[in-house]
C-alpha atoms as a PDB file:
ATOM      1  CA  MET A   1      99.333 104.469  64.192  1.00  0.00           C
ATOM      2  CA  ASP A   2      95.988 104.713  62.456  1.00  0.00           C
ATOM      3  CA  MET A   3      93.218 105.986  64.688  1.00  0.00           C
ATOM      4  CA  THR A   4      89.607 106.658  63.941  1.00  0.00           C
ATOM      5  CA  PHE A   5      87.716 109.501  65.587  1.00  0.00           C
ATOM      6  CA  ASN A   6      84.004 110.143  65.972  1.00  0.00           C
ATOM      7  CA  THR A   7      82.400 113.062  67.738  1.00  0.00           C
ATOM      8  CA  VAL A   8      79.343 112.349  69.847  1.00  0.00           C
ATOM      9  CA  ASN A   9      77.042 115.114  71.017  1.00  0.00           C
ATOM     10  CA  GLN A  10      75.008 115.109  74.245  1.00  0.00           C
ATOM     11  CA  ALA A  11      72.205 113.161  72.584  1.00  0.00           C
ATOM     12  CA  GLY A  12      74.666 110.439  71.528  1.00  0.00           C
ATOM     13  CA  ASP A  13      74.450 111.079  67.792  1.00  0.00           C
ATOM     14  CA  VAL A  14      77.644 110.582  65.787  1.00  0.00           C
ATOM     15  CA  GLU A  15      78.588 113.620  63.745  1.00  0.00           C
ATOM     16  CA  ASP A  16      81.244 114.328  61.114  1.00  0.00           C
ATOM     17  CA  SER A  17      81.750 117.923  62.278  1.00  0.00           C
ATOM     18  CA  GLU A  18      83.979 119.645  64.801  1.00  0.00           C
ATOM     19  CA  PRO A  19      84.202 118.128  68.311  1.00  0.00           C
ATOM     20  CA  SER A  20      81.195 119.041  70.419  1.00  0.00           C
ATOM     21  CA  ASP A  21      81.324 116.959  73.582  1.00  0.00           C
ATOM     22  CA  THR A  22      82.853 113.495  73.504  1.00  0.00           C
ATOM     23  CA  VAL A  23      85.425 112.183  71.055  1.00  0.00           C
ATOM     24  CA  GLN A  24      85.549 108.465  70.475  1.00  0.00           C
ATOM     25  CA  ALA A  25      88.711 106.920  69.115  1.00  0.00           C
ATOM     26  CA  ALA A  26      90.207 103.485  68.700  1.00  0.00           C
ATOM     27  CA  TRP A  27      93.723 102.147  69.138  1.00  0.00           C
ATOM     28  CA  ASP A  28      95.214  98.929  67.866  1.00  0.00           C
ATOM     29  CA  SER A  29      98.295  96.809  68.427  1.00  0.00           C
ATOM     30  CA  SER A  30     100.351  98.917  65.998  1.00  0.00           C
ATOM     31  CA  GLY A  31     100.848 101.493  68.745  1.00  0.00           C
ATOM     32  CA  SER A  32     100.712 101.907  72.489  1.00  0.00           C
ATOM     33  CA  PRO A  33      97.558 102.823  74.404  1.00  0.00           C
ATOM     34  CA  SER A  34      99.393 105.744  76.038  1.00  0.00           C
ATOM     35  CA  MET A  35     100.305 107.282  72.680  1.00  0.00           C
ATOM     36  CA  ALA A  36      96.729 106.758  71.494  1.00  0.00           C
ATOM     37  CA  VAL A  37      95.471 108.634  74.579  1.00  0.00           C
ATOM     38  CA  MET A  38      97.735 111.594  73.829  1.00  0.00           C
ATOM     39  CA  GLU A  39      96.606 111.701  70.192  1.00  0.00           C
ATOM     40  CA  ALA A  40      92.926 111.392  71.147  1.00  0.00           C
ATOM     41  CA  VAL A  41      93.144 114.163  73.759  1.00  0.00           C
ATOM     42  CA  ALA A  42      94.960 116.357  71.233  1.00  0.00           C
ATOM     43  CA  ALA A  43      92.201 115.741  68.689  1.00  0.00           C
ATOM     44  CA  ALA A  44      89.455 116.392  71.260  1.00  0.00           C
ATOM     45  CA  THR A  45      91.015 119.652  72.429  1.00  0.00           C
ATOM     46  CA  GLY A  46      92.319 120.876  69.067  1.00  0.00           C
ATOM     47  CA  ARG A  47      95.921 120.924  70.282  1.00  0.00           C
ATOM     48  CA  ASN A  48      99.240 119.554  69.093  1.00  0.00           C
ATOM     49  CA  THR A  49     100.613 116.664  71.177  1.00  0.00           C
ATOM     50  CA  MET A  50     103.923 118.533  71.486  1.00  0.00           C
ATOM     51  CA  GLU A  51     102.133 121.393  73.287  1.00  0.00           C
ATOM     52  CA  MET A  52     100.557 119.101  75.887  1.00  0.00           C
ATOM     53  CA  PRO A  53     102.039 118.153  79.250  1.00  0.00           C
ATOM     54  CA  SER A  54     103.736 114.801  79.542  1.00  0.00           C
ATOM     55  CA  LEU A  55     101.347 111.932  80.219  1.00  0.00           C
ATOM     56  CA  TYR A  56     104.049 110.637  82.599  1.00  0.00           C
ATOM     57  CA  ASP A  57     103.127 113.512  84.932  1.00  0.00           C
ATOM     58  CA  THR A  58      99.570 112.152  85.193  1.00  0.00           C
ATOM     59  CA  LEU A  59     100.076 108.398  85.547  1.00  0.00           C
ATOM     60  CA  ASP A  60     102.495 105.506  85.165  1.00  0.00           C
ATOM     61  CA  VAL A  61     102.519 105.127  81.381  1.00  0.00           C
ATOM     62  CA  GLU A  62     104.240 101.736  81.425  1.00  0.00           C
ATOM     63  CA  ALA A  63     101.600 100.421  83.837  1.00  0.00           C
ATOM     64  CA  LEU A  64      98.784 101.738  81.614  1.00  0.00           C
ATOM     65  CA  ASP A  65     100.281 100.149  78.497  1.00  0.00           C
ATOM     66  CA  GLY A  66     101.005  96.893  80.319  1.00  0.00           C
ATOM     67  CA  LEU A  67      97.534  96.673  81.839  1.00  0.00           C
ATOM     68  CA  LEU A  68      95.729  97.233  78.562  1.00  0.00           C
ATOM     69  CA  THR A  69      97.951  95.066  76.372  1.00  0.00           C
ATOM     70  CA  SER A  70      98.806  92.172  78.674  1.00  0.00           C
ATOM     71  CA  GLU A  71      97.796  88.588  78.022  1.00  0.00           C
ATOM     72  CA  ARG A  72      96.151  88.686  81.451  1.00  0.00           C
ATOM     73  CA  ALA A  73      93.692  91.326  80.185  1.00  0.00           C
ATOM     74  CA  ALA A  74      92.892  89.146  77.179  1.00  0.00           C
ATOM     75  CA  ALA A  75      92.391  86.091  79.381  1.00  0.00           C
ATOM     76  CA  ASN A  76      90.238  87.873  81.985  1.00  0.00           C
ATOM     77  CA  GLY A  77      88.077  89.921  79.646  1.00  0.00           C
ATOM     78  CA  ASN A  78      87.970  93.617  78.957  1.00  0.00           C
ATOM     79  CA  VAL A  79      89.957  95.947  81.239  1.00  0.00           C
ATOM     80  CA  ALA A  80      89.011  99.646  81.392  1.00  0.00           C
ATOM     81  CA  VAL A  81      90.839 102.606  82.936  1.00  0.00           C
ATOM     82  CA  SER A  82      89.661 106.200  83.384  1.00  0.00           C
ATOM     83  CA  PHE A  83      91.530 109.302  84.490  1.00  0.00           C
ATOM     84  CA  THR A  84      91.837 113.024  83.885  1.00  0.00           C
ATOM     85  CA  TYR A  85      94.648 114.256  81.647  1.00  0.00           C
ATOM     86  CA  ASP A  86      95.318 117.867  80.677  1.00  0.00           C
ATOM     87  CA  GLY A  87      91.799 118.929  81.645  1.00  0.00           C
ATOM     88  CA  ALA A  88      90.076 116.115  79.727  1.00  0.00           C
ATOM     89  CA  TYR A  89      88.314 113.016  81.057  1.00  0.00           C
ATOM     90  CA  VAL A  90      89.807 109.882  79.464  1.00  0.00           C
ATOM     91  CA  TRP A  91      88.278 106.403  79.336  1.00  0.00           C
ATOM     92  CA  ILE A  92      90.213 103.632  77.557  1.00  0.00           C
ATOM     93  CA  ASP A  93      89.791  99.875  77.463  1.00  0.00           C
ATOM     94  CA  SER A  94      91.742  96.832  76.364  1.00  0.00           C
ATOM     95  CA  SER A  95      89.444  96.225  73.376  1.00  0.00           C
ATOM     96  CA  GLY A  96      90.818  99.415  71.798  1.00  0.00           C
ATOM     97  CA  ALA A  97      88.034 101.878  72.596  1.00  0.00           C
ATOM     98  CA  ILE A  98      88.837 105.390  73.812  1.00  0.00           C
ATOM     99  CA  GLU A  99      86.442 108.147  74.863  1.00  0.00           C
ATOM    100  CA  ILE A 100      87.604 111.673  75.578  1.00  0.00           C
ATOM    101  CA  ASP A 101      85.463 114.384  77.132  1.00  0.00           C
ATOM    102  CA  PRO A 102      87.445 117.613  76.799  1.00  0.00           C
ATOM    103  CA  ASN A 103      85.438 119.125  79.669  1.00  0.00           C
ATOM    104  CA  ALA A 104      86.551 117.004  82.651  1.00  0.00           C
ATOM    105  CA  ALA A 105      84.592 119.107  85.151  1.00  0.00           C
ATOM    106  CA  ARG A 106      81.333 117.966  83.527  1.00  0.00           C
ATOM    107  CA  SER A 107      82.362 114.272  83.639  1.00  0.00           C
ATOM    108  CA  GLU A 108      83.420 114.039  87.276  1.00  0.00           C
END
């Protein structure tokens, strides 16, 4: 799956440097939203996905994938979901946008 990542600092400026605050990513139909979340959190935290806890321990992965990829979401407009995973705040929507804040305590 090809994903794009941008780092956004507190002021909202996009940078090409190391992650500072929020990582923005995008997923597409070539992969599942749940796998994109794991890859985006890994990128935001500088970790390997194999070292992270299972996303299944945080939420129902099949429900997340189904909600964001269903025809119902396309017919009813954009659907967005947010949750905390492995210490990071995750926001993902059915249009393919993902935002990760590696410091969940600041986001809640």
